């Protein structure tokens, strides 16, 4: 009996984890078609001074009502990535009716 409860408990946890992580992965083109307002990231002063350049990627998670729920740093220089993450947090999207996620790339060049 205890074993059965443990199996159901693990199944419930697995289902809950799956439901929580259900964001539809979309292309950048699809994401950009739903942008209501956006701005470009500011080039960090420290990065300019050190002449740091490069491409960074961030993962953006958008709720069904168009709000930016979370932005995670992906690849790239941490100084530049931080600037991109902070910028994307300010973006606004049109409601889509479902939670989505996409990977954005930013090219920082002096």
C-alpha atoms as a PDB file:
ATOM      1  CA  UNK A   1       0.000   0.000   0.000  1.00  0.00           C
ATOM      2  CA  UNK A   2       2.805   2.402   0.914  1.00  0.00           C
ATOM      3  CA  UNK A   3       4.507   1.658  -2.377  1.00  0.00           C
ATOM      4  CA  UNK A   4       1.332   2.579  -4.281  1.00  0.00           C
ATOM      5  CA  UNK A   5       1.069   5.952  -2.472  1.00  0.00           C
ATOM      6  CA  UNK A   6       4.696   6.616  -3.292  1.00  0.00           C
ATOM      7  CA  UNK A   7       4.089   5.845  -6.976  1.00  0.00           C
ATOM      8  CA  UNK A   8       1.074   8.190  -7.112  1.00  0.00           C
ATOM      9  CA  UNK A   9       3.029  10.889  -5.297  1.00  0.00           C
ATOM     10  CA  UNK A  10       5.902  10.666  -7.761  1.00  0.00           C
ATOM     11  CA  UNK A  11       3.467  10.709 -10.677  1.00  0.00           C
ATOM     12  CA  UNK A  12       1.748  13.805  -9.283  1.00  0.00           C
ATOM     13  CA  UNK A  13       5.102  15.552  -8.852  1.00  0.00           C
ATOM     14  CA  UNK A  14       6.139  14.670 -12.386  1.00  0.00           C
ATOM     15  CA  UNK A  15       2.854  15.958 -13.817  1.00  0.00           C
ATOM     16  CA  UNK A  16       3.086  19.186 -11.812  1.00  0.00           C
ATOM     17  CA  UNK A  17       6.661  19.784 -12.946  1.00  0.00           C
ATOM     18  CA  UNK A  18       5.660  19.193 -16.547  1.00  0.00           C
ATOM     19  CA  UNK A  19       2.684  21.543 -16.294  1.00  0.00           C
ATOM     20  CA  UNK A  20       4.776  24.295 -14.736  1.00  0.00           C
ATOM     21  CA  UNK A  21       7.399  24.087 -17.446  1.00  0.00           C
ATOM     22  CA  UNK A  22       4.941  24.173 -20.345  1.00  0.00           C
ATOM     23  CA  UNK A  23       6.027  27.187 -22.347  1.00  0.00           C
ATOM     24  CA  UNK A  24       5.728  26.860 -26.082  1.00  0.00           C
ATOM     25  CA  UNK A  25       9.105  27.482 -27.723  1.00  0.00           C
ATOM     26  CA  UNK A  26       8.661  29.933 -30.594  1.00  0.00           C
ATOM     27  CA  UNK A  27      10.948  31.488 -33.173  1.00  0.00           C
ATOM     28  CA  UNK A  28      12.383  34.971 -32.843  1.00  0.00           C
ATOM     29  CA  UNK A  29      10.258  36.064 -35.829  1.00  0.00           C
ATOM     30  CA  UNK A  30       7.072  34.917 -34.056  1.00  0.00           C
ATOM     31  CA  UNK A  31       8.136  36.657 -30.855  1.00  0.00           C
ATOM     32  CA  UNK A  32       9.018  39.916 -32.613  1.00  0.00           C
ATOM     33  CA  UNK A  33       5.646  39.921 -34.398  1.00  0.00           C
ATOM     34  CA  UNK A  34       4.013  40.250 -30.963  1.00  0.00           C
ATOM     35  CA  UNK A  35       6.218  43.021 -29.566  1.00  0.00           C
ATOM     36  CA  UNK A  36       4.177  45.997 -28.386  1.00  0.00           C
ATOM     37  CA  UNK A  37       7.185  48.058 -27.249  1.00  0.00           C
ATOM     38  CA  UNK A  38      10.912  47.456 -26.986  1.00  0.00           C
ATOM     39  CA  UNK A  39      14.214  49.242 -26.774  1.00  0.00           C
ATOM     40  CA  UNK A  40      17.800  48.308 -27.516  1.00  0.00           C
ATOM     41  CA  UNK A  41      20.094  47.494 -24.599  1.00  0.00           C
ATOM     42  CA  UNK A  42      22.472  50.222 -23.507  1.00  0.00           C
ATOM     43  CA  UNK A  43      26.135  49.458 -24.032  1.00  0.00           C
ATOM     44  CA  UNK A  44      27.600  49.188 -20.510  1.00  0.00           C
ATOM     45  CA  UNK A  45      30.213  51.854 -19.760  1.00  0.00           C
ATOM     46  CA  UNK A  46      32.594  49.256 -18.305  1.00  0.00           C
ATOM     47  CA  UNK A  47      32.307  47.178 -21.482  1.00  0.00           C
ATOM     48  CA  UNK A  48      33.070  50.240 -23.619  1.00  0.00           C
ATOM     49  CA  UNK A  49      36.069  51.117 -21.490  1.00  0.00           C
ATOM     50  CA  UNK A  50      37.399  47.562 -21.703  1.00  0.00           C
ATOM     51  CA  UNK A  51      36.438  47.374 -25.408  1.00  0.00           C
ATOM     52  CA  UNK A  52      34.349  44.265 -24.785  1.00  0.00           C
ATOM     53  CA  UNK A  53      32.294  43.191 -27.800  1.00  0.00           C
ATOM     54  CA  UNK A  54      30.339  40.151 -28.787  1.00  0.00           C
ATOM     55  CA  UNK A  55      27.036  38.403 -29.171  1.00  0.00           C
ATOM     56  CA  UNK A  56      24.942  37.396 -26.187  1.00  0.00           C
ATOM     57  CA  UNK A  57      21.867  35.205 -25.966  1.00  0.00           C
ATOM     58  CA  UNK A  58      19.037  35.450 -23.458  1.00  0.00           C
ATOM     59  CA  UNK A  59      16.011  33.230 -22.946  1.00  0.00           C
ATOM     60  CA  UNK A  60      12.771  35.174 -22.491  1.00  0.00           C
ATOM     61  CA  UNK A  61       9.602  33.707 -20.966  1.00  0.00           C
ATOM     62  CA  UNK A  62       6.349  35.529 -21.792  1.00  0.00           C
ATOM     63  CA  UNK A  63       3.034  34.894 -20.002  1.00  0.00           C
ATOM     64  CA  UNK A  64      -0.224  34.400 -21.895  1.00  0.00           C
ATOM     65  CA  UNK A  65      -1.161  38.031 -21.162  1.00  0.00           C
ATOM     66  CA  UNK A  66       2.039  39.369 -22.774  1.00  0.00           C
ATOM     67  CA  UNK A  67       4.072  40.139 -19.658  1.00  0.00           C
ATOM     68  CA  UNK A  68       7.738  39.237 -19.418  1.00  0.00           C
ATOM     69  CA  UNK A  69       7.786  36.638 -16.656  1.00  0.00           C
ATOM     70  CA  UNK A  70      11.474  35.817 -16.666  1.00  0.00           C
ATOM     71  CA  UNK A  71      14.634  36.501 -18.612  1.00  0.00           C
ATOM     72  CA  UNK A  72      17.615  34.180 -18.203  1.00  0.00           C
ATOM     73  CA  UNK A  73      21.160  34.824 -19.321  1.00  0.00           C
ATOM     74  CA  UNK A  74      22.345  32.386 -21.933  1.00  0.00           C
ATOM     75  CA  UNK A  75      25.723  32.716 -23.557  1.00  0.00           C
ATOM     76  CA  UNK A  76      28.102  35.604 -23.920  1.00  0.00           C
ATOM     77  CA  UNK A  77      30.143  38.015 -21.833  1.00  0.00           C
ATOM     78  CA  UNK A  78      28.472  38.500 -18.419  1.00  0.00           C
ATOM     79  CA  UNK A  79      28.733  42.318 -18.553  1.00  0.00           C
ATOM     80  CA  UNK A  80      26.960  42.405 -21.901  1.00  0.00           C
ATOM     81  CA  UNK A  81      24.496  39.673 -20.957  1.00  0.00           C
ATOM     82  CA  UNK A  82      23.396  41.589 -17.868  1.00  0.00           C
ATOM     83  CA  UNK A  83      22.615  44.640 -20.034  1.00  0.00           C
ATOM     84  CA  UNK A  84      20.543  42.522 -22.444  1.00  0.00           C
ATOM     85  CA  UNK A  85      18.628  40.818 -19.613  1.00  0.00           C
ATOM     86  CA  UNK A  86      17.759  44.138 -17.956  1.00  0.00           C
ATOM     87  CA  UNK A  87      16.635  45.583 -21.286  1.00  0.00           C
ATOM     88  CA  UNK A  88      14.362  42.670 -22.245  1.00  0.00           C
ATOM     89  CA  UNK A  89      12.689  42.773 -18.816  1.00  0.00           C
ATOM     90  CA  UNK A  90      11.247  46.150 -19.893  1.00  0.00           C
ATOM     91  CA  UNK A  91       9.790  44.924 -23.197  1.00  0.00           C
ATOM     92  CA  UNK A  92       6.011  44.623 -23.643  1.00  0.00           C
ATOM     93  CA  UNK A  93       4.209  42.027 -25.753  1.00  0.00           C
ATOM     94  CA  UNK A  94       0.692  41.600 -27.128  1.00  0.00           C
ATOM     95  CA  UNK A  95      -1.312  38.913 -25.303  1.00  0.00           C
ATOM     96  CA  UNK A  96      -1.086  35.609 -27.163  1.00  0.00           C
ATOM     97  CA  UNK A  97      -3.286  33.369 -25.052  1.00  0.00           C
ATOM     98  CA  UNK A  98      -0.473  30.973 -24.229  1.00  0.00           C
ATOM     99  CA  UNK A  99       2.839  31.144 -22.390  1.00  0.00           C
ATOM    100  CA  UNK A 100       5.802  31.190 -24.766  1.00  0.00           C
ATOM    101  CA  UNK A 101       9.569  31.323 -24.689  1.00  0.00           C
ATOM    102  CA  UNK A 102      12.224  32.262 -27.199  1.00  0.00           C
ATOM    103  CA  UNK A 103      15.949  32.840 -27.409  1.00  0.00           C
ATOM    104  CA  UNK A 104      17.036  36.344 -28.347  1.00  0.00           C
ATOM    105  CA  UNK A 105      20.485  37.352 -29.586  1.00  0.00           C
ATOM    106  CA  UNK A 106      22.072  40.767 -29.206  1.00  0.00           C
ATOM    107  CA  UNK A 107      25.242  41.847 -30.966  1.00  0.00           C
ATOM    108  CA  UNK A 108      27.274  44.391 -28.999  1.00  0.00           C
ATOM    109  CA  UNK A 109      29.813  46.059 -31.263  1.00  0.00           C
ATOM    110  CA  UNK A 110      31.865  49.210 -30.779  1.00  0.00           C
END
